[in-house]
Amino acid sequence: MQGDAVTINHVAMVVPSIAEFLAQTQVLYGAFQRGPLIINERQRVREMFLTDGKTVIELLEPMGEGSPLDGFLKRNRAGGLIHVALDVDDLAAAIGAIRDAGGVVVTEPTPDVAFPERRIAFVSLAGQLTELIERVVPSPPRRGPG
């Protein structure tokens, strides 16, 4: 992974309610652009992306019982930072490098609705949760007739 172009995609915060969080923090995040509320059935979360034009914050809210965010909110009732997400060129190679460094895969690669079906995986290394997001591979240019 060291030679690959790894960039930060976003930082994620878990909140009990996205609507309540935004209302309570209007003074901080009111000027940020807001993306649509995404209902992510696969991960059992609601999510929304905020940006100031430079940095992206993902707000995550559990969607019913059994959401993977339940345990985090039991330990942190008001929510908090949960992960940093990184864009990677080769998801399999990134996972291999993390395993070689002593990390573990928390969630195997799966397409994600929040990133137009690009594959994501969650890994843990040095006690920190990281989301890996596979970059879109550009299609080769089409050749015209001739």
C-alpha atoms as a PDB file:
ATOM      1  CA  MET A   1       0.000   0.000   0.000  1.00  0.00           C
ATOM      2  CA  GLN A   2       2.894   2.370   0.539  1.00  0.00           C
ATOM      3  CA  GLY A   3       3.412   2.890  -3.183  1.00  0.00           C
ATOM      4  CA  ASP A   4      -0.297   3.215  -3.949  1.00  0.00           C
ATOM      5  CA  ALA A   5      -2.059   6.543  -3.898  1.00  0.00           C
ATOM      6  CA  VAL A   6      -4.073   6.250  -0.686  1.00  0.00           C
ATOM      7  CA  THR A   7      -6.216   9.287   0.057  1.00  0.00           C
ATOM      8  CA  ILE A   8      -8.718  10.171   2.755  1.00  0.00           C
ATOM      9  CA  ASN A   9     -12.289   9.938   1.520  1.00  0.00           C
ATOM     10  CA  HIS A  10     -14.071  10.926   4.748  1.00  0.00           C
ATOM     11  CA  VAL A  11     -14.206  10.748   8.523  1.00  0.00           C
ATOM     12  CA  ALA A  12     -17.260   9.079  10.037  1.00  0.00           C
ATOM     13  CA  MET A  13     -19.227   9.929  13.154  1.00  0.00           C
ATOM     14  CA  VAL A  14     -21.928   7.789  14.744  1.00  0.00           C
ATOM     15  CA  VAL A  15     -24.893   9.726  16.118  1.00  0.00           C
ATOM     16  CA  PRO A  16     -28.118   8.451  17.701  1.00  0.00           C
ATOM     17  CA  SER A  17     -30.159  10.604  15.265  1.00  0.00           C
ATOM     18  CA  ILE A  18     -28.856  12.498  12.234  1.00  0.00           C
ATOM     19  CA  ALA A  19     -31.755  14.998  12.346  1.00  0.00           C
ATOM     20  CA  GLU A  20     -31.261  15.734  16.055  1.00  0.00           C
ATOM     21  CA  PHE A  21     -27.497  16.008  15.655  1.00  0.00           C
ATOM     22  CA  LEU A  22     -27.839  18.508  12.806  1.00  0.00           C
ATOM     23  CA  ALA A  23     -30.370  20.571  14.763  1.00  0.00           C
ATOM     24  CA  GLN A  24     -28.137  20.639  17.863  1.00  0.00           C
ATOM     25  CA  THR A  25     -24.968  21.473  15.919  1.00  0.00           C
ATOM     26  CA  GLN A  26     -26.399  24.003  13.464  1.00  0.00           C
ATOM     27  CA  VAL A  27     -23.889  26.589  14.735  1.00  0.00           C
ATOM     28  CA  LEU A  28     -21.015  24.285  13.685  1.00  0.00           C
ATOM     29  CA  TYR A  29     -22.243  22.482  10.592  1.00  0.00           C
ATOM     30  CA  GLY A  30     -25.042  24.742   9.314  1.00  0.00           C
ATOM     31  CA  ALA A  31     -22.972  26.135   6.436  1.00  0.00           C
ATOM     32  CA  PHE A  32     -21.788  22.712   5.274  1.00  0.00           C
ATOM     33  CA  GLN A  33     -23.323  21.237   2.122  1.00  0.00           C
ATOM     34  CA  ARG A  34     -25.499  18.231   2.915  1.00  0.00           C
ATOM     35  CA  GLY A  35     -25.916  15.206   0.734  1.00  0.00           C
ATOM     36  CA  PRO A  36     -29.155  13.208   0.658  1.00  0.00           C
ATOM     37  CA  LEU A  37     -30.128  10.899   3.494  1.00  0.00           C
ATOM     38  CA  ILE A  38     -29.064   7.418   2.375  1.00  0.00           C
ATOM     39  CA  ILE A  39     -30.949   4.375   3.637  1.00  0.00           C
ATOM     40  CA  ASN A  40     -28.362   1.601   3.642  1.00  0.00           C
ATOM     41  CA  GLU A  41     -30.233  -1.670   4.153  1.00  0.00           C
ATOM     42  CA  ARG A  42     -27.067  -3.782   3.751  1.00  0.00           C
ATOM     43  CA  GLN A  43     -25.315  -2.102   6.663  1.00  0.00           C
ATOM     44  CA  ARG A  44     -28.550  -1.332   8.561  1.00  0.00           C
ATOM     45  CA  VAL A  45     -27.683   2.369   8.860  1.00  0.00           C
ATOM     46  CA  ARG A  46     -28.887   5.750   7.703  1.00  0.00           C
ATOM     47  CA  GLU A  47     -26.092   7.973   6.467  1.00  0.00           C
ATOM     48  CA  MET A  48     -25.527  11.504   5.282  1.00  0.00           C
ATOM     49  CA  PHE A  49     -22.406  13.208   4.003  1.00  0.00           C
ATOM     50  CA  LEU A  50     -21.536  16.801   4.934  1.00  0.00           C
ATOM     51  CA  THR A  51     -18.758  18.845   3.370  1.00  0.00           C
ATOM     52  CA  ASP A  52     -17.178  22.251   3.689  1.00  0.00           C
ATOM     53  CA  GLY A  53     -15.763  21.804   0.185  1.00  0.00           C
ATOM     54  CA  LYS A  54     -12.470  20.366   1.448  1.00  0.00           C
ATOM     55  CA  THR A  55     -13.300  17.742   4.042  1.00  0.00           C
ATOM     56  CA  VAL A  56     -16.142  15.208   4.103  1.00  0.00           C
ATOM     57  CA  ILE A  57     -17.870  13.989   7.267  1.00  0.00           C
ATOM     58  CA  GLU A  58     -20.171  10.985   7.171  1.00  0.00           C
ATOM     59  CA  LEU A  59     -22.933  10.892   9.770  1.00  0.00           C
ATOM     60  CA  LEU A  60     -24.112   7.389  10.622  1.00  0.00           C
ATOM     61  CA  GLU A  61     -27.314   6.524  12.476  1.00  0.00           C
ATOM     62  CA  PRO A  62     -28.375   2.974  13.404  1.00  0.00           C
ATOM     63  CA  MET A  63     -31.394   1.621  11.572  1.00  0.00           C
ATOM     64  CA  GLY A  64     -33.284  -0.536  14.022  1.00  0.00           C
ATOM     65  CA  GLU A  65     -32.230  -3.357  16.272  1.00  0.00           C
ATOM     66  CA  GLY A  66     -29.167  -5.315  15.242  1.00  0.00           C
ATOM     67  CA  SER A  67     -27.408  -2.411  13.543  1.00  0.00           C
ATOM     68  CA  PRO A  68     -23.621  -2.754  13.731  1.00  0.00           C
ATOM     69  CA  LEU A  69     -23.616   0.695  15.394  1.00  0.00           C
ATOM     70  CA  ASP A  70     -25.605  -0.453  18.438  1.00  0.00           C
ATOM     71  CA  GLY A  71     -22.550  -1.541  20.438  1.00  0.00           C
ATOM     72  CA  PHE A  72     -20.726   1.720  19.731  1.00  0.00           C
ATOM     73  CA  LEU A  73     -23.695   3.781  20.939  1.00  0.00           C
ATOM     74  CA  LYS A  74     -24.051   1.654  24.076  1.00  0.00           C
ATOM     75  CA  ARG A  75     -20.459   2.570  24.965  1.00  0.00           C
ATOM     76  CA  ASN A  76     -20.725   6.169  23.690  1.00  0.00           C
ATOM     77  CA  ARG A  77     -24.299   7.389  24.221  1.00  0.00           C
ATOM     78  CA  ALA A  78     -23.820  10.693  22.375  1.00  0.00           C
ATOM     79  CA  GLY A  79     -21.910   8.988  19.553  1.00  0.00           C
ATOM     80  CA  GLY A  80     -18.480   9.987  18.291  1.00  0.00           C
ATOM     81  CA  LEU A  81     -15.811   9.396  15.685  1.00  0.00           C
ATOM     82  CA  ILE A  82     -15.837   5.784  14.517  1.00  0.00           C
ATOM     83  CA  HIS A  83     -13.580   5.499  11.457  1.00  0.00           C
ATOM     84  CA  VAL A  84     -11.514   7.117   8.764  1.00  0.00           C
ATOM     85  CA  ALA A  85     -12.266   6.028   5.200  1.00  0.00           C
ATOM     86  CA  LEU A  86      -9.504   5.735   2.620  1.00  0.00           C
ATOM     87  CA  ASP A  87      -9.731   5.452  -1.152  1.00  0.00           C
ATOM     88  CA  VAL A  88      -7.486   2.694  -2.520  1.00  0.00           C
ATOM     89  CA  ASP A  89      -6.701   1.570  -6.062  1.00  0.00           C
ATOM     90  CA  ASP A  90      -6.618  -2.164  -5.333  1.00  0.00           C
ATOM     91  CA  LEU A  91      -8.829  -3.336  -2.487  1.00  0.00           C
ATOM     92  CA  ALA A  92      -7.428  -6.877  -2.386  1.00  0.00           C
ATOM     93  CA  ALA A  93      -3.830  -5.619  -2.274  1.00  0.00           C
ATOM     94  CA  ALA A  94      -4.679  -3.117   0.477  1.00  0.00           C
ATOM     95  CA  ILE A  95      -6.331  -5.841   2.553  1.00  0.00           C
ATOM     96  CA  GLY A  96      -3.325  -8.106   2.023  1.00  0.00           C
ATOM     97  CA  ALA A  97      -0.933  -5.372   3.178  1.00  0.00           C
ATOM     98  CA  ILE A  98      -3.045  -4.730   6.276  1.00  0.00           C
ATOM     99  CA  ARG A  99      -3.141  -8.437   7.126  1.00  0.00           C
ATOM    100  CA  ASP A 100       0.645  -8.620   6.636  1.00  0.00           C
ATOM    101  CA  ALA A 101       0.997  -5.724   9.092  1.00  0.00           C
ATOM    102  CA  GLY A 102      -1.014  -7.618  11.732  1.00  0.00           C
ATOM    103  CA  GLY A 103      -4.438  -6.161  10.973  1.00  0.00           C
ATOM    104  CA  VAL A 104      -7.716  -7.999  10.569  1.00  0.00           C
ATOM    105  CA  VAL A 105     -10.644  -7.721   8.197  1.00  0.00           C
ATOM    106  CA  VAL A 106     -13.786  -6.768  10.101  1.00  0.00           C
ATOM    107  CA  THR A 107     -16.107  -6.738   7.073  1.00  0.00           C
ATOM    108  CA  GLU A 108     -15.218  -8.492   3.829  1.00  0.00           C
ATOM    109  CA  PRO A 109     -15.395  -6.516   0.557  1.00  0.00           C
ATOM    110  CA  THR A 110     -18.933  -5.764  -0.517  1.00  0.00           C
ATOM    111  CA  PRO A 111     -20.568  -3.287  -2.904  1.00  0.00           C
ATOM    112  CA  ASP A 112     -21.934  -0.224  -1.098  1.00  0.00           C
ATOM    113  CA  VAL A 113     -24.934   1.931  -1.969  1.00  0.00           C
ATOM    114  CA  ALA A 114     -23.274   5.099  -0.597  1.00  0.00           C
ATOM    115  CA  PHE A 115     -20.482   4.810  -3.180  1.00  0.00           C
ATOM    116  CA  PRO A 116     -22.416   3.774  -6.329  1.00  0.00           C
ATOM    117  CA  GLU A 117     -21.744   0.073  -5.705  1.00  0.00           C
ATOM    118  CA  ARG A 118     -17.990   0.451  -5.406  1.00  0.00           C
ATOM    119  CA  ARG A 119     -16.635  -2.216  -3.071  1.00  0.00           C
ATOM    120  CA  ILE A 120     -15.758  -1.348   0.513  1.00  0.00           C
ATOM    121  CA  ALA A 121     -14.203  -3.300   3.380  1.00  0.00           C
ATOM    122  CA  PHE A 122     -13.661  -2.492   7.044  1.00  0.00           C
ATOM    123  CA  VAL A 123     -10.334  -3.369   8.612  1.00  0.00           C
ATOM    124  CA  SER A 124      -8.782  -2.927  12.025  1.00  0.00           C
ATOM    125  CA  LEU A 125      -5.105  -2.121  12.479  1.00  0.00           C
ATOM    126  CA  ALA A 126      -3.430  -0.794  15.631  1.00  0.00           C
ATOM    127  CA  GLY A 127      -6.822  -0.782  17.349  1.00  0.00           C
ATOM    128  CA  GLN A 128      -8.393   1.599  14.825  1.00  0.00           C
ATOM    129  CA  LEU A 129     -11.259   0.922  12.452  1.00  0.00           C
ATOM    130  CA  THR A 130     -10.660   1.972   8.845  1.00  0.00           C
ATOM    131  CA  GLU A 131     -12.993   1.758   5.874  1.00  0.00           C
ATOM    132  CA  LEU A 132     -11.309   1.004   2.558  1.00  0.00           C
ATOM    133  CA  ILE A 133     -13.138   2.193  -0.567  1.00  0.00           C
ATOM    134  CA  GLU A 134     -12.093   0.859  -3.944  1.00  0.00           C
ATOM    135  CA  ARG A 135     -11.586   3.593  -6.502  1.00  0.00           C
ATOM    136  CA  VAL A 136     -13.397   3.410  -9.805  1.00  0.00           C
ATOM    137  CA  VAL A 137     -11.155   1.993 -12.487  1.00  0.00           C
ATOM    138  CA  PRO A 138     -11.469   4.279 -15.498  1.00  0.00           C
ATOM    139  CA  SER A 139     -12.637   2.625 -18.671  1.00  0.00           C
ATOM    140  CA  PRO A 140     -10.145   2.630 -21.535  1.00  0.00           C
ATOM    141  CA  PRO A 141     -10.918   5.210 -24.203  1.00  0.00           C
ATOM    142  CA  ARG A 142     -13.101   3.926 -26.992  1.00  0.00           C
ATOM    143  CA  ARG A 143     -11.566   3.913 -30.412  1.00  0.00           C
ATOM    144  CA  GLY A 144     -13.498   5.326 -33.280  1.00  0.00           C
ATOM    145  CA  PRO A 145     -13.983   3.569 -36.586  1.00  0.00           C
ATOM    146  CA  GLY A 146     -10.944   3.097 -38.717  1.00  0.00           C
END
